[in-house]
Amino acid sequence: MSPDLWSLYALMLKSRLFEEVVTQLWRDGLISGEMHLGTGEEAIAAGVVSQLGPGDAMALDHRGTPALLMRGIDPVLLLRELLGRPDGLCGGRGGHMHLFSKDHLVASSGIVGAAGPTAAGFALAAQYLRPGTVAVAFFGEGAMNQGMLLESLNLASVWNLPVIFVCKDDRWAITTPSSQVTGGDLGDRVRGLGLPLTKTDGLDVEKVWQAVQPAIERARAGKGPSFLHAHCVHLEGHFLGYQLLRAAREPLKEMPGIAAPLTRSFLRRRGAPLRERWAGLRGVLSSTSATRRDPRQLPANDPVVRTRGALMLEAERLNDLENAISDEIVEMLSLVLEGGAA
C-alpha cells in the first residue's frame, strides 16, 4: 500500500502556511512569549497523523501545531488560543505549549518528555475502552534523557500497550549538539526495553508514512508498542528569534549587537585572564560562522519543498491545490482578526 502524496502535501502545506501566519503575528508583538514552531517537522507529523482514525489519541510536545492541524483541530480556534483570547481552543490559557482537545483525544505539554506518560495513559485507556485504537507520543531526542519517558517506554513494553513513540531528532538540544549531552545510542536504549525500532528520514513524508504503518498495524492488533526514530531539521532553530540564525541571516543588522559588548569585555583591564576571554570570543564567532553553513539554511532540508518537488509534473493541479489552501489560511486569519465566528 502506498500513501497519497497529494493529500500528505496538502496537510504539510496547510501547517506551513499557518505557522507563517503565526510567525508574522509573533513578530508584530501580537503573540507573547517564546514560540516553538513545527517548521521542518511537517513530514513526520503528516506521515503519522494521516494514518490515525477515530478513537486514536495523540500526546504532543511543545511544538505540536502541525499534528494538531492535521488531526482536524479548527485553525481559527487554534490561532485565537495562540493570541491568548478567551474564545481560543483552551480559553486562551494554554498558549502554544499546553494545548488539548478532549473531542480529538489530544494533549500537549511544554514539559520535556511528558508526551511519554501521557501517551501511555491514552494507550492504557484504549486497551479497556477502545480496543483496536492506538496512541502516539511525539517528542524530541533530548526527551530521551528524561526519566519519565524512559519509564513510559518500559511500562508500554511490560504492559504491551498500543502506543507508538515518535522521536523527532534534529540533533540539537537548543544550542548544544545532542551528541554532547547524550551518552550511548538511543536505539540501544529502546531495544533494551524490548521495543522494535525503525529509523527513517524525517524529511521524506513517504518514507515516514511507510515506516510507521507497520507500527500502527502492530499496535492495533494488540502486539504492543513500537518506536520510530526520524531525523529532521528545525528550520527556525529551537524557537522563533533564535539568535544564531538571526546573526547568520542578517549579519550587518545583528552582529554589532553581539560584537560590541564582547569587544568591550575583551578590552577591559579587569576580569578573566586574556586567554580565557579570547577563548570565549572565539567560541561565539565560531558558532555564528558555523550557523552560516547550518543545514537549516538549505532548501533541500525543507520537507515541504522536497514534497512539492515530487508533484511539479502536474503543475496545474499543484497550483490549484496551493491556491485553495492559501485562500483557506487567508480566510482563517480574517475571521480571527475581525472577530468572526469559527
Protein backbone atom coordinates (compact mmCIF):
# COMPACT_ATOMS: atom_id res chain seq x y z
CA MET A 1 0.00 0.00 0.00
CA SER A 2 1.33 3.44 -0.94
CA PRO A 3 0.46 6.84 0.55
CA ASP A 4 -1.39 9.55 -1.35
CA LEU A 5 1.35 12.15 -1.76
CA TRP A 6 -1.13 14.86 -2.75
CA SER A 7 -3.12 14.58 0.45
CA LEU A 8 0.07 14.46 2.51
CA TYR A 9 1.37 17.59 0.80
CA ALA A 10 -1.92 19.34 1.47
CA LEU A 11 -1.56 18.61 5.19
CA MET A 12 2.04 19.79 5.21
CA LEU A 13 1.37 22.97 3.25
CA LYS A 14 -1.57 23.98 5.44
CA SER A 15 0.61 23.56 8.52
CA ARG A 16 3.45 25.58 6.99
CA LEU A 17 1.23 28.46 5.87
CA PHE A 18 -0.48 28.53 9.26
CA GLU A 19 2.86 28.78 11.02
CA GLU A 20 3.99 31.52 8.66
CA VAL A 21 0.95 33.49 9.85
CA VAL A 22 1.91 32.74 13.45
CA THR A 23 5.46 33.92 12.76
CA GLN A 24 4.27 37.27 11.46
CA LEU A 25 1.84 37.78 14.35
CA TRP A 26 4.61 36.93 16.83
CA ARG A 27 7.00 39.40 15.18
CA ASP A 28 4.27 42.03 15.27
CA GLY A 29 4.02 41.53 19.03
CA LEU A 30 0.50 40.08 18.97
CA ILE A 31 1.62 36.70 20.37
CA SER A 32 3.58 36.91 23.60
CA GLY A 33 6.35 34.75 25.00
CA GLU A 34 8.51 32.18 23.26
CA MET A 35 7.20 30.48 20.14
CA HIS A 36 8.34 26.98 19.20
CA LEU A 37 7.32 26.15 15.64
CA GLY A 38 6.99 22.79 13.93
CA THR A 39 8.51 24.03 10.67
CA GLY A 40 10.72 21.22 9.46
CA GLU A 41 8.68 18.53 11.23
CA GLU A 42 5.74 18.53 8.80
CA ALA A 43 6.74 15.29 7.05
CA ILE A 44 6.92 13.40 10.34
CA ALA A 45 3.57 14.71 11.53
CA ALA A 46 1.81 14.08 8.21
CA GLY A 47 3.24 10.60 7.76
CA VAL A 48 1.95 9.57 11.18
CA VAL A 49 -1.24 11.56 11.73
CA SER A 50 -2.66 10.76 8.29
CA GLN A 51 -2.94 7.11 9.38
CA LEU A 52 -4.85 7.78 12.59
CA GLY A 53 -8.56 7.25 12.85
CA PRO A 54 -11.48 7.80 15.24
CA GLY A 55 -10.61 6.91 18.80
CA ASP A 56 -6.86 7.21 18.30
CA ALA A 57 -5.04 9.57 20.66
CA MET A 58 -2.01 11.85 20.47
CA ALA A 59 0.37 13.20 23.11
CA LEU A 60 2.41 16.14 21.84
CA ASP A 61 5.38 18.20 22.92
CA HIS A 62 5.81 21.98 22.90
CA ARG A 63 5.79 22.25 19.09
CA GLY A 64 2.59 20.40 18.29
CA THR A 65 0.93 22.77 15.82
CA PRO A 66 1.43 20.57 12.71
CA ALA A 67 -0.05 17.48 14.35
CA LEU A 68 -2.98 19.43 15.80
CA LEU A 69 -3.94 20.92 12.46
CA MET A 70 -3.52 17.62 10.65
CA ARG A 71 -5.72 15.90 13.22
CA GLY A 72 -8.56 18.30 12.42
CA ILE A 73 -8.31 20.98 15.10
CA ASP A 74 -10.08 24.14 13.90
CA PRO A 75 -7.28 26.56 12.87
CA VAL A 76 -9.43 29.53 13.91
CA LEU A 77 -9.70 28.21 17.46
CA LEU A 78 -6.01 27.36 17.48
CA LEU A 79 -4.89 30.80 16.34
CA ARG A 80 -7.21 32.50 18.82
CA GLU A 81 -5.59 30.40 21.52
CA LEU A 82 -2.09 31.49 20.49
CA LEU A 83 -3.28 35.09 20.68
CA GLY A 84 -4.43 34.47 24.26
CA ARG A 85 -8.10 35.07 23.55
CA PRO A 86 -10.86 33.63 25.74
CA ASP A 87 -12.57 32.20 22.65
CA GLY A 88 -9.48 30.15 21.83
CA LEU A 89 -9.15 26.37 21.86
CA CYS A 90 -8.34 26.31 25.58
CA GLY A 91 -9.83 29.61 26.64
CA GLY A 92 -6.62 31.49 25.93
CA ARG A 93 -4.86 29.82 28.86
CA GLY A 94 -2.84 27.14 27.11
CA GLY A 95 -0.70 29.25 24.85
CA HIS A 96 1.14 27.24 22.22
CA MET A 97 2.74 24.69 24.55
CA HIS A 98 -0.18 23.42 26.64
CA LEU A 99 -2.99 22.60 24.25
CA PHE A 100 -5.66 19.92 24.45
CA SER A 101 -8.84 18.82 22.80
CA LYS A 102 -10.99 16.25 24.55
CA ASP A 103 -13.01 15.63 21.39
CA HIS A 104 -9.85 14.73 19.46
CA LEU A 105 -8.11 12.89 22.34
CA VAL A 106 -5.12 15.22 22.01
CA ALA A 107 -2.98 16.77 24.74
CA SER A 108 0.31 18.65 24.65
CA SER A 109 2.75 19.84 27.27
CA GLY A 110 5.78 22.10 27.50
CA ILE A 111 7.40 19.67 29.94
CA VAL A 112 10.12 17.80 28.07
CA GLY A 113 9.34 14.07 27.99
CA ALA A 114 5.74 14.46 29.21
CA ALA A 115 4.37 13.00 25.96
CA GLY A 116 5.58 9.58 27.12
CA PRO A 117 3.41 9.09 30.22
CA THR A 118 0.51 10.92 28.56
CA ALA A 119 0.55 8.53 25.60
CA ALA A 120 0.94 5.53 27.91
CA GLY A 121 -2.18 6.67 29.74
CA PHE A 122 -4.08 7.11 26.49
CA ALA A 123 -2.95 3.64 25.39
CA LEU A 124 -3.96 2.00 28.67
CA ALA A 125 -7.42 3.55 28.33
CA ALA A 126 -7.55 2.32 24.73
CA GLN A 127 -6.96 -1.26 25.84
CA TYR A 128 -10.04 -1.17 28.05
CA LEU A 129 -12.34 1.31 26.35
CA ARG A 130 -11.44 1.37 22.64
CA PRO A 131 -9.84 -1.92 21.57
CA GLY A 132 -8.13 -1.58 18.21
CA THR A 133 -7.24 2.08 18.69
CA VAL A 134 -3.75 3.43 19.33
CA ALA A 135 -1.90 6.30 20.99
CA VAL A 136 1.05 8.22 19.59
CA ALA A 137 3.70 10.16 21.51
CA PHE A 138 5.69 12.88 19.72
CA PHE A 139 8.91 14.20 21.33
CA GLY A 140 12.44 15.33 20.54
CA GLU A 141 15.61 13.32 21.05
CA GLY A 142 16.50 15.37 24.12
CA ALA A 143 13.46 13.91 25.88
CA MET A 144 15.18 10.52 25.78
CA ASN A 145 17.27 11.73 28.72
CA GLN A 146 14.16 12.31 30.83
CA GLY A 147 13.32 9.60 33.33
CA MET A 148 9.56 9.72 32.83
CA LEU A 149 9.90 8.99 29.11
CA LEU A 150 12.18 6.02 29.71
CA GLU A 151 9.77 4.77 32.38
CA SER A 152 6.93 5.11 29.86
CA LEU A 153 8.84 3.02 27.32
CA ASN A 154 9.36 0.35 29.95
CA LEU A 155 5.72 0.43 31.06
CA ALA A 156 4.46 0.23 27.50
CA SER A 157 6.68 -2.77 26.85
CA VAL A 158 5.73 -4.61 30.04
CA TRP A 159 2.00 -3.95 29.66
CA ASN A 160 2.01 -4.42 25.89
CA LEU A 161 0.36 -1.05 25.33
CA PRO A 162 -0.84 0.03 21.86
CA VAL A 163 1.42 3.08 21.60
CA ILE A 164 3.87 4.37 19.00
CA PHE A 165 6.71 6.53 20.30
CA VAL A 166 7.86 9.01 17.63
CA CYS A 167 11.24 10.64 18.22
CA LYS A 168 11.79 13.79 16.13
CA ASP A 169 15.57 14.07 16.15
CA ASP A 170 17.08 17.37 14.93
CA ARG A 171 20.43 16.61 16.63
CA TRP A 172 20.30 19.83 18.68
CA ALA A 173 19.46 20.46 22.34
CA ILE A 174 18.59 24.17 21.95
CA THR A 175 22.15 25.45 21.20
CA THR A 176 24.09 22.31 22.13
CA PRO A 177 24.66 19.36 19.79
CA SER A 178 22.72 16.42 21.23
CA SER A 179 25.77 14.19 20.91
CA GLN A 180 27.45 16.26 23.63
CA VAL A 181 24.74 15.64 26.21
CA THR A 182 23.55 12.11 25.39
CA GLY A 183 25.56 9.00 26.14
CA GLY A 184 25.39 5.84 24.06
CA ASP A 185 22.96 5.05 21.26
CA LEU A 186 19.23 5.81 21.51
CA GLY A 187 18.43 2.68 19.54
CA ASP A 188 20.22 0.54 22.11
CA ARG A 189 18.11 2.07 24.87
CA VAL A 190 14.89 1.36 23.02
CA ARG A 191 15.78 -2.20 22.05
CA GLY A 192 16.99 -2.84 25.59
CA LEU A 193 13.45 -2.19 26.81
CA GLY A 194 12.00 -4.64 24.30
CA LEU A 195 10.52 -2.24 21.73
CA PRO A 196 11.03 -2.73 17.98
CA LEU A 197 12.86 0.27 16.49
CA THR A 198 12.53 1.75 13.00
CA LYS A 199 14.71 4.57 11.68
CA THR A 200 13.59 6.80 8.84
CA ASP A 201 14.29 10.05 7.01
CA GLY A 202 12.03 12.58 8.70
CA LEU A 203 12.32 14.92 5.72
CA ASP A 204 10.65 12.44 3.37
CA VAL A 205 6.94 12.12 4.08
CA GLU A 206 6.55 8.92 2.02
CA LYS A 207 9.33 7.20 3.95
CA VAL A 208 7.82 8.29 7.26
CA TRP A 209 4.40 7.01 6.19
CA GLN A 210 5.81 3.64 5.15
CA ALA A 211 7.96 3.32 8.27
CA VAL A 212 5.16 3.97 10.74
CA GLN A 213 2.44 1.92 9.01
CA PRO A 214 3.63 -1.47 10.38
CA ALA A 215 3.95 0.03 13.85
CA ILE A 216 0.36 1.28 13.78
CA GLU A 217 -0.92 -2.05 12.48
CA ARG A 218 1.08 -3.87 15.15
CA ALA A 219 -0.44 -1.73 17.90
CA ARG A 220 -3.99 -2.13 16.55
CA ALA A 221 -3.53 -5.89 16.52
CA GLY A 222 -2.62 -5.89 20.21
CA LYS A 223 1.04 -6.73 19.61
CA GLY A 224 2.40 -3.86 21.66
CA PRO A 225 4.41 -0.66 21.30
CA SER A 226 6.95 0.47 18.72
CA PHE A 227 9.50 3.25 18.39
CA LEU A 228 10.07 5.44 15.31
CA HIS A 229 13.31 7.41 15.13
CA ALA A 230 13.06 10.15 12.48
CA HIS A 231 15.69 12.77 11.74
CA CYS A 232 14.54 16.29 10.84
CA VAL A 233 15.76 19.90 10.75
CA HIS A 234 14.15 22.72 12.75
CA LEU A 235 14.18 25.44 10.12
CA GLU A 236 13.80 28.26 12.67
CA GLY A 237 16.10 26.78 15.29
CA HIS A 238 14.81 25.98 18.74
CA PHE A 239 12.43 28.94 18.80
CA LEU A 240 11.43 31.98 16.79
CA GLY A 241 14.09 34.65 17.09
CA TYR A 242 16.86 32.07 17.54
CA GLN A 243 19.92 34.27 17.97
CA LEU A 244 22.46 32.41 15.84
CA LEU A 245 20.07 32.17 12.91
CA ARG A 246 19.34 35.90 13.13
CA ALA A 247 23.05 36.64 13.01
CA ALA A 248 23.57 34.31 10.05
CA ARG A 249 20.64 35.67 8.04
CA GLU A 250 21.19 39.38 8.76
CA PRO A 251 24.82 39.78 9.86
CA LEU A 252 25.04 43.55 9.27
CA LYS A 253 22.00 44.12 11.45
CA GLU A 254 22.64 41.58 14.20
CA MET A 255 26.42 41.34 14.60
CA PRO A 256 27.00 44.83 16.07
CA GLY A 257 24.75 43.96 18.99
CA ILE A 258 26.81 40.83 19.59
CA ALA A 259 30.29 42.11 18.78
CA ALA A 260 30.17 45.41 20.67
CA PRO A 261 29.64 44.05 24.22
CA LEU A 262 32.06 41.18 23.54
CA THR A 263 34.72 43.63 22.41
CA ARG A 264 34.20 45.86 25.45
CA SER A 265 34.50 42.85 27.73
CA PHE A 266 37.60 41.65 25.90
CA LEU A 267 39.36 45.01 26.30
CA ARG A 268 38.56 45.56 29.99
CA ARG A 269 41.52 45.65 32.31
CA ARG A 270 39.83 43.59 34.99
CA GLY A 271 38.15 40.21 34.68
CA ALA A 272 39.20 36.79 33.46
CA PRO A 273 42.68 36.20 32.04
CA LEU A 274 43.12 37.35 28.46
CA ARG A 275 43.40 33.81 27.13
CA GLU A 276 40.03 32.88 28.65
CA ARG A 277 38.35 35.93 27.19
CA TRP A 278 39.87 35.20 23.80
CA ALA A 279 38.65 31.61 24.00
CA GLY A 280 35.10 32.83 24.76
CA LEU A 281 35.17 35.32 21.90
CA ARG A 282 36.43 32.65 19.51
CA GLY A 283 33.66 30.31 20.63
CA VAL A 284 30.92 32.85 19.87
CA LEU A 285 32.41 33.75 16.48
CA SER A 286 32.85 30.07 15.64
CA SER A 287 29.22 29.28 16.49
CA THR A 288 27.99 32.18 14.38
CA SER A 289 30.19 31.17 11.46
CA ALA A 290 29.07 27.53 11.69
CA THR A 291 25.44 28.63 11.58
CA ARG A 292 26.03 30.13 8.15
CA ARG A 293 26.69 26.56 6.98
CA ASP A 294 23.94 25.11 9.15
CA PRO A 295 21.58 22.63 7.41
CA ARG A 296 18.67 24.84 8.43
CA GLN A 297 19.78 27.17 5.64
CA LEU A 298 19.49 24.55 2.87
CA PRO A 299 16.25 24.23 0.82
CA ALA A 300 16.96 20.52 0.41
CA ASN A 301 16.29 20.10 4.13
CA ASP A 302 12.83 21.63 3.91
CA PRO A 303 10.29 18.74 3.81
CA VAL A 304 7.57 20.91 2.24
CA VAL A 305 9.90 21.96 -0.59
CA ARG A 306 11.02 18.37 -1.12
CA THR A 307 7.46 17.05 -1.29
CA ARG A 308 6.39 19.82 -3.64
CA GLY A 309 9.22 18.90 -5.99
CA ALA A 310 7.76 15.42 -6.43
CA LEU A 311 4.43 16.91 -7.58
CA MET A 312 5.61 19.55 -10.01
CA LEU A 313 4.94 17.44 -13.11
CA GLU A 314 1.22 18.18 -12.57
CA ALA A 315 1.67 21.95 -12.44
CA GLU A 316 -1.98 22.93 -12.88
CA ARG A 317 -3.22 20.58 -10.19
CA LEU A 318 -0.45 21.74 -7.87
CA ASN A 319 -1.29 25.38 -8.46
CA ASP A 320 -5.00 24.78 -7.77
CA LEU A 321 -4.22 22.94 -4.55
CA GLU A 322 -1.85 25.61 -3.28
CA ASN A 323 -4.25 28.42 -4.13
CA ALA A 324 -7.09 26.67 -2.32
CA ILE A 325 -5.04 26.14 0.84
CA SER A 326 -3.66 29.68 0.71
CA ASP A 327 -7.19 31.06 0.41
CA GLU A 328 -8.26 28.94 3.39
CA ILE A 329 -5.46 30.36 5.54
CA VAL A 330 -6.25 33.93 4.46
CA GLU A 331 -9.93 33.42 5.34
CA MET A 332 -8.94 31.92 8.69
CA LEU A 333 -6.74 34.92 9.52
CA SER A 334 -9.53 37.31 8.52
CA LEU A 335 -12.01 35.54 10.79
CA VAL A 336 -9.61 35.70 13.72
CA LEU A 337 -8.56 39.32 13.34
CA GLU A 338 -12.10 40.52 12.61
CA GLY A 339 -13.56 38.51 15.47
CA GLY A 340 -15.88 36.37 13.36
CA ALA A 341 -17.38 33.01 14.36
CA ALA A 342 -15.37 29.84 13.93
